[in-house]
C-alpha atoms as a PDB file:
ATOM      1  CA  MET A   1      11.978  12.282 -62.415  1.00  0.00           C
ATOM      2  CA  GLY A   2      15.681  11.850 -62.223  1.00  0.00           C
ATOM      3  CA  SER A   3      15.835  11.612 -58.186  1.00  0.00           C
ATOM      4  CA  VAL A   4      12.835   8.656 -58.043  1.00  0.00           C
ATOM      5  CA  ARG A   5      14.733   5.631 -57.876  1.00  0.00           C
ATOM      6  CA  ALA A   6      13.392   2.642 -59.376  1.00  0.00           C
ATOM      7  CA  ILE A   7      14.172  -1.254 -59.386  1.00  0.00           C
ATOM      8  CA  ALA A   8      14.017  -2.806 -62.843  1.00  0.00           C
ATOM      9  CA  LEU A   9      14.527  -6.283 -63.408  1.00  0.00           C
ATOM     10  CA  GLY A  10      14.723  -7.126 -66.592  1.00  0.00           C
ATOM     11  CA  SER A  11      16.538  -3.530 -68.329  1.00  0.00           C
ATOM     12  CA  SER A  12      19.139  -1.321 -67.474  1.00  0.00           C
ATOM     13  CA  ALA A  13      18.064   1.533 -69.538  1.00  0.00           C
ATOM     14  CA  VAL A  14      17.566   3.406 -66.878  1.00  0.00           C
ATOM     15  CA  PRO A  15      20.838   4.964 -65.500  1.00  0.00           C
ATOM     16  CA  GLY A  16      21.349   4.343 -61.538  1.00  0.00           C
ATOM     17  CA  VAL A  17      19.195   1.328 -61.542  1.00  0.00           C
ATOM     18  CA  LEU A  18      20.200  -2.195 -60.933  1.00  0.00           C
ATOM     19  CA  SER A  19      19.472  -4.874 -63.347  1.00  0.00           C
ATOM     20  CA  ARG A  20      20.327  -8.225 -62.996  1.00  0.00           C
ATOM     21  CA  GLY A  21      23.244  -7.239 -65.577  1.00  0.00           C
ATOM     22  CA  THR A  22      26.685  -6.247 -63.770  1.00  0.00           C
ATOM     23  CA  GLN A  23      25.502  -2.463 -63.828  1.00  0.00           C
ATOM     24  CA  ASP A  24      27.967  -0.601 -61.488  1.00  0.00           C
ATOM     25  CA  PRO A  25      25.707   0.404 -58.146  1.00  0.00           C
ATOM     26  CA  GLY A  26      27.863   3.528 -57.381  1.00  0.00           C
ATOM     27  CA  PRO A  27      24.797   5.954 -58.827  1.00  0.00           C
ATOM     28  CA  LEU A  28      22.268   4.360 -56.201  1.00  0.00           C
ATOM     29  CA  LEU A  29      24.999   4.714 -52.801  1.00  0.00           C
ATOM     30  CA  SER A  30      25.943   8.047 -53.778  1.00  0.00           C
ATOM     31  CA  ASP A  31      22.861   9.731 -52.223  1.00  0.00           C
ATOM     32  CA  ALA A  32      22.967   7.166 -49.098  1.00  0.00           C
ATOM     33  CA  GLY A  33      25.951   9.055 -47.233  1.00  0.00           C
ATOM     34  CA  PRO A  34      27.945   7.128 -44.714  1.00  0.00           C
ATOM     35  CA  MET A  35      26.838   3.680 -43.679  1.00  0.00           C
ATOM     36  CA  THR A  36      28.474   4.299 -40.109  1.00  0.00           C
ATOM     37  CA  THR A  37      25.716   7.443 -39.378  1.00  0.00           C
ATOM     38  CA  PRO A  38      22.184   6.103 -37.547  1.00  0.00           C
ATOM     39  CA  PRO A  39      19.046   7.079 -39.105  1.00  0.00           C
ATOM     40  CA  SER A  40      17.722  10.425 -37.303  1.00  0.00           C
ATOM     41  CA  TRP A  41      14.257   8.814 -37.237  1.00  0.00           C
ATOM     42  CA  PRO A  42      12.364   8.506 -35.111  1.00  0.00           C
ATOM     43  CA  THR A  43      12.083  12.099 -34.496  1.00  0.00           C
ATOM     44  CA  PRO A  44      10.819  13.406 -30.985  1.00  0.00           C
ATOM     45  CA  HIS A  45       7.815  15.252 -30.221  1.00  0.00           C
ATOM     46  CA  PRO A  46       8.503  19.360 -30.986  1.00  0.00           C
ATOM     47  CA  SER A  47       7.755  20.402 -27.378  1.00  0.00           C
ATOM     48  CA  HIS A  48      10.332  18.006 -25.992  1.00  0.00           C
ATOM     49  CA  PRO A  49      13.613  17.509 -25.844  1.00  0.00           C
ATOM     50  CA  VAL A  50      15.588  14.207 -27.212  1.00  0.00           C
ATOM     51  CA  GLY A  51      15.845  12.024 -24.091  1.00  0.00           C
ATOM     52  CA  ALA A  52      12.433  13.223 -22.310  1.00  0.00           C
ATOM     53  CA  HIS A  53       9.705  10.742 -21.801  1.00  0.00           C
ATOM     54  CA  PRO A  54       6.568  12.346 -23.076  1.00  0.00           C
ATOM     55  CA  PRO A  55       3.829  12.488 -19.909  1.00  0.00           C
ATOM     56  CA  PRO A  56       1.361   9.953 -20.083  1.00  0.00           C
ATOM     57  CA  PRO A  57      -2.440  10.343 -21.734  1.00  0.00           C
ATOM     58  CA  GLN A  58      -4.802  11.291 -19.224  1.00  0.00           C
ATOM     59  CA  ARG A  59      -6.146   7.293 -20.092  1.00  0.00           C
ATOM     60  CA  HIS A  60      -3.067   6.398 -17.716  1.00  0.00           C
ATOM     61  CA  LYS A  61      -3.647   8.858 -15.291  1.00  0.00           C
ATOM     62  CA  TRP A  62      -6.998   7.602 -14.322  1.00  0.00           C
ATOM     63  CA  LEU A  63      -6.408   3.925 -14.658  1.00  0.00           C
ATOM     64  CA  ARG A  64      -3.547   4.214 -12.108  1.00  0.00           C
ATOM     65  CA  ALA A  65      -6.150   6.127  -9.899  1.00  0.00           C
ATOM     66  CA  GLY A  66      -8.286   3.047 -10.510  1.00  0.00           C
ATOM     67  CA  ALA A  67      -5.439   0.728  -9.943  1.00  0.00           C
ATOM     68  CA  ASP A  68      -4.971   2.695  -6.554  1.00  0.00           C
ATOM     69  CA  ILE A  69      -8.725   2.370  -4.821  1.00  0.00           C
ATOM     70  CA  ALA A  70      -8.757  -1.042  -6.377  1.00  0.00           C
ATOM     71  CA  LEU A  71      -5.507  -1.830  -4.092  1.00  0.00           C
ATOM     72  CA  ALA A  72      -6.538   0.269  -1.586  1.00  0.00           C
ATOM     73  CA  ILE A  73      -9.920  -1.528  -1.426  1.00  0.00           C
ATOM     74  CA  GLY A  74      -8.397  -4.518  -1.395  1.00  0.00           C
ATOM     75  CA  LEU A  75      -5.614  -3.925   1.385  1.00  0.00           C
ATOM     76  CA  LEU A  76      -8.204  -2.830   3.803  1.00  0.00           C
ATOM     77  CA  VAL A  77     -10.214  -6.254   3.362  1.00  0.00           C
ATOM     78  CA  ILE A  78      -7.092  -8.239   3.867  1.00  0.00           C
ATOM     79  CA  ASP A  79      -6.168  -5.471   7.138  1.00  0.00           C
ATOM     80  CA  ALA A  80      -9.849  -6.749   8.617  1.00  0.00           C
ATOM     81  CA  VAL A  81      -9.211 -10.402   8.312  1.00  0.00           C
ATOM     82  CA  ALA A  82      -5.567 -10.169   9.435  1.00  0.00           C
ATOM     83  CA  ALA A  83      -6.866  -8.121  12.731  1.00  0.00           C
ATOM     84  CA  LEU A  84      -9.761 -10.413  13.384  1.00  0.00           C
ATOM     85  CA  ILE A  85      -7.567 -13.451  13.125  1.00  0.00           C
ATOM     86  CA  ALA A  86      -5.019 -12.060  15.385  1.00  0.00           C
ATOM     87  CA  PHE A  87      -7.880 -11.334  17.693  1.00  0.00           C
ATOM     88  CA  VAL A  88      -9.131 -14.840  17.470  1.00  0.00           C
ATOM     89  CA  PHE A  89      -5.440 -15.905  18.048  1.00  0.00           C
ATOM     90  CA  GLY A  90      -5.112 -13.906  21.020  1.00  0.00           C
ATOM     91  CA  LEU A  91      -8.224 -15.144  22.636  1.00  0.00           C
ATOM     92  CA  ASP A  92      -7.093 -18.838  22.215  1.00  0.00           C
ATOM     93  CA  THR A  93      -3.825 -18.170  23.639  1.00  0.00           C
ATOM     94  CA  VAL A  94      -5.693 -17.026  26.855  1.00  0.00           C
ATOM     95  CA  GLY A  95      -7.588 -20.149  26.883  1.00  0.00           C
ATOM     96  CA  TYR A  96     -10.971 -18.668  25.676  1.00  0.00           C
ATOM     97  CA  THR A  97     -13.124 -21.405  24.518  1.00  0.00           C
ATOM     98  CA  LEU A  98     -15.015 -19.704  21.487  1.00  0.00           C
ATOM     99  CA  PHE A  99     -17.618 -22.597  20.672  1.00  0.00           C
ATOM    100  CA  ASP A 100     -18.176 -23.985  24.134  1.00  0.00           C
ATOM    101  CA  PRO A 101     -21.571 -22.364  25.497  1.00  0.00           C
ATOM    102  CA  GLY A 102     -20.832 -24.216  29.042  1.00  0.00           C
ATOM    103  CA  ALA A 103     -17.196 -22.567  29.195  1.00  0.00           C
ATOM    104  CA  ASP A 104     -16.570 -20.035  31.996  1.00  0.00           C
ATOM    105  CA  ASN A 105     -14.821 -17.199  29.911  1.00  0.00           C
ATOM    106  CA  SER A 106     -15.614 -14.088  32.513  1.00  0.00           C
ATOM    107  CA  PRO A 107     -12.385 -14.218  34.288  1.00  0.00           C
ATOM    108  CA  LEU A 108     -10.209 -14.395  31.201  1.00  0.00           C
ATOM    109  CA  SER A 109      -7.878 -10.628  30.406  1.00  0.00           C
ATOM    110  CA  LEU A 110      -8.050  -9.307  26.747  1.00  0.00           C
ATOM    111  CA  VAL A 111      -4.707  -7.949  27.081  1.00  0.00           C
ATOM    112  CA  ARG A 112      -3.098 -10.462  24.984  1.00  0.00           C
ATOM    113  CA  PRO A 113      -5.507 -10.499  22.373  1.00  0.00           C
ATOM    114  CA  LEU A 114      -5.467  -6.895  21.738  1.00  0.00           C
ATOM    115  CA  THR A 115      -1.986  -6.633  21.900  1.00  0.00           C
ATOM    116  CA  TYR A 116      -2.061  -9.196  18.831  1.00  0.00           C
ATOM    117  CA  VAL A 117      -4.020  -6.410  16.712  1.00  0.00           C
ATOM    118  CA  ALA A 118      -1.912  -3.683  17.805  1.00  0.00           C
ATOM    119  CA  ALA A 119       0.676  -5.676  16.068  1.00  0.00           C
ATOM    120  CA  VAL A 120      -1.027  -6.022  13.110  1.00  0.00           C
ATOM    121  CA  GLY A 121      -2.389  -2.484  13.096  1.00  0.00           C
ATOM    122  CA  GLY A 122       1.438  -1.790  13.124  1.00  0.00           C
ATOM    123  CA  ILE A 123       2.496  -3.730  10.346  1.00  0.00           C
ATOM    124  CA  VAL A 124      -0.068  -2.122   8.154  1.00  0.00           C
ATOM    125  CA  LEU A 125       1.435   0.939   9.288  1.00  0.00           C
ATOM    126  CA  VAL A 126       4.374  -0.238   8.134  1.00  0.00           C
ATOM    127  CA  SER A 127       3.005  -1.076   4.602  1.00  0.00           C
ATOM    128  CA  ALA A 128       1.416   2.707   4.484  1.00  0.00           C
ATOM    129  CA  ILE A 129       5.278   3.825   4.520  1.00  0.00           C
ATOM    130  CA  LEU A 130       6.109   1.476   2.029  1.00  0.00           C
ATOM    131  CA  LEU A 131       3.077   2.675  -0.388  1.00  0.00           C
ATOM    132  CA  PHE A 132       3.596   5.782   0.186  1.00  0.00           C
ATOM    133  CA  ARG A 133       7.229   5.622  -1.056  1.00  0.00           C
ATOM    134  CA  ALA A 134       6.175   3.791  -4.073  1.00  0.00           C
ATOM    135  CA  ARG A 135       3.656   6.643  -4.518  1.00  0.00           C
ATOM    136  CA  VAL A 136       0.415   4.793  -4.299  1.00  0.00           C
ATOM    137  CA  VAL A 137      -0.764   7.695  -2.633  1.00  0.00           C
ATOM    138  CA  ILE A 138      -4.601   6.436  -2.174  1.00  0.00           C
ATOM    139  CA  SER A 139      -3.899   3.224  -0.880  1.00  0.00           C
ATOM    140  CA  SER A 140      -1.004   4.741   1.656  1.00  0.00           C
ATOM    141  CA  GLY A 141      -3.815   6.737   3.151  1.00  0.00           C
ATOM    142  CA  VAL A 142      -6.042   4.189   3.760  1.00  0.00           C
ATOM    143  CA  GLN A 143      -3.663   2.046   4.833  1.00  0.00           C
ATOM    144  CA  ALA A 144      -2.268   4.951   7.260  1.00  0.00           C
ATOM    145  CA  PHE A 145      -6.069   5.453   8.651  1.00  0.00           C
ATOM    146  CA  ALA A 146      -6.676   1.740   9.035  1.00  0.00           C
ATOM    147  CA  GLY A 147      -3.309   0.900  11.050  1.00  0.00           C
ATOM    148  CA  LEU A 148      -4.091   4.370  13.375  1.00  0.00           C
ATOM    149  CA  ALA A 149      -7.555   2.716  14.299  1.00  0.00           C
ATOM    150  CA  LEU A 150      -6.689  -0.946  14.669  1.00  0.00           C
ATOM    151  CA  VAL A 151      -3.577   1.027  16.939  1.00  0.00           C
ATOM    152  CA  SER A 152      -5.771   3.522  19.158  1.00  0.00           C
ATOM    153  CA  ALA A 153      -8.846   0.773  19.666  1.00  0.00           C
ATOM    154  CA  ALA A 154      -6.367  -1.922  20.722  1.00  0.00           C
ATOM    155  CA  VAL A 155      -4.674   0.293  23.112  1.00  0.00           C
ATOM    156  CA  ILE A 156      -8.181   2.090  24.189  1.00  0.00           C
ATOM    157  CA  GLY A 157      -9.129  -1.648  24.776  1.00  0.00           C
ATOM    158  CA  ILE A 158      -6.233  -2.628  26.679  1.00  0.00           C
ATOM    159  CA  ASN A 159      -6.693   0.025  28.904  1.00  0.00           C
ATOM    160  CA  HIS A 160      -9.995  -0.448  29.435  1.00  0.00           C
ATOM    161  CA  ALA A 161      -9.211  -4.375  29.834  1.00  0.00           C
ATOM    162  CA  GLU A 162      -6.464  -3.533  32.662  1.00  0.00           C
ATOM    163  CA  ARG A 163      -8.497  -1.019  35.038  1.00  0.00           C
ATOM    164  CA  GLU A 164     -11.602  -3.756  34.828  1.00  0.00           C
ATOM    165  CA  ALA A 165      -8.974  -6.318  36.163  1.00  0.00           C
ATOM    166  CA  ARG A 166      -7.459  -4.162  38.905  1.00  0.00           C
ATOM    167  CA  PRO A 167      -9.405  -4.817  42.028  1.00  0.00           C
ATOM    168  CA  GLN A 168     -11.109  -2.118  43.639  1.00  0.00           C
ATOM    169  CA  PRO A 169      -9.522  -1.024  47.108  1.00  0.00           C
ATOM    170  CA  ALA A 170     -12.015  -2.424  49.674  1.00  0.00           C
ATOM    171  CA  PRO A 171     -13.444   0.137  52.095  1.00  0.00           C
ATOM    172  CA  THR A 172     -12.069   0.846  55.258  1.00  0.00           C
ATOM    173  CA  GLU A 173     -14.162   2.088  58.256  1.00  0.00           C
ATOM    174  CA  ARG A 174     -13.021   5.078  59.848  1.00  0.00           C
ATOM    175  CA  GLY A 175     -15.254   5.887  62.888  1.00  0.00           C
ATOM    176  CA  PRO A 176     -19.125   5.300  62.907  1.00  0.00           C
ATOM    177  CA  GLY A 177     -20.864   5.033  60.004  1.00  0.00           C
ATOM    178  CA  SER A 178     -18.420   6.138  57.439  1.00  0.00           C
ATOM    179  CA  LEU A 179     -16.326   4.241  54.782  1.00  0.00           C
ATOM    180  CA  CYS A 180     -13.115   4.841  53.805  1.00  0.00           C
ATOM    181  CA  ARG A 181     -11.691   3.539  50.569  1.00  0.00           C
ATOM    182  CA  SER A 182      -8.056   3.993  50.560  1.00  0.00           C
ATOM    183  CA  GLY A 183      -7.822   4.648  54.104  1.00  0.00           C
ATOM    184  CA  GLY A 184      -6.776   7.815  53.767  1.00  0.00           C
ATOM    185  CA  ASP A 185      -8.252  10.944  55.550  1.00  0.00           C
ATOM    186  CA  SER A 186     -11.194  11.977  56.526  1.00  0.00           C
ATOM    187  CA  SER A 187     -12.307  13.683  52.798  1.00  0.00           C
ATOM    188  CA  GLU A 188     -12.244  10.386  50.973  1.00  0.00           C
ATOM    189  CA  CYS A 189     -14.652   8.673  53.609  1.00  0.00           C
ATOM    190  CA  LEU A 190     -18.203   9.118  52.835  1.00  0.00           C
ATOM    191  CA  GLY A 191     -20.578  10.080  55.397  1.00  0.00           C
ATOM    192  CA  GLY A 192     -17.624  11.363  57.094  1.00  0.00           C
END
C-alpha cells in the first residue's frame, strides 16, 4: 500500500501525502522522473512502427468506393448536359432555328456544332486525367470512356457532315449512252 498515494485534505498522518499544512512534496515528486521528458503514451499499435499510419478500416474502403461511384454518376450527368448545351449552342451559331416550324434548316452544316461537342469531349478527357492523378479510379475510367465516346461521335459526325456537304461530280457523257462520273477513262463510265 506504500506505492499507492492519496490526497488527504484534512490530515497529514500518511507520509508522502499533501495536506493543507506545510508538508514537503518531495516524496510525491521523487517517482515522477524529470519534468522535461514527454510521456510515452499513446503507444503505437504493435504491428506498426512508430510514425506509420495504421491501415484504414474496411468501412472506409467501401465508403470511398461508394463516393467514387456517386462522383462518376454525377460527372456523367454533367458531361451529357454539357455536350447537349454545346451542340445546341453550335446549332445556334450556324443559324439553325429550333422553335420555328416554318424555317428552312436543311442547308446548314453540322460541322461547327459537332466541333463544340468534340471540345467538350476533350475537356472530359482532361478531367479523367486529373481524376486518375487524384486516385479516383472509377470516376476517371467513366470520364475517359465518356470523353472518348464524345470525341469519337463528334469526329464520325463531322466526317459524315462533310461528306454530305461535298457535291457529287456531275456525270459527263462519253460516247453514245455512256455516263462518266469524273471524266476519266472508260472504266469509270456506265455502259461504255
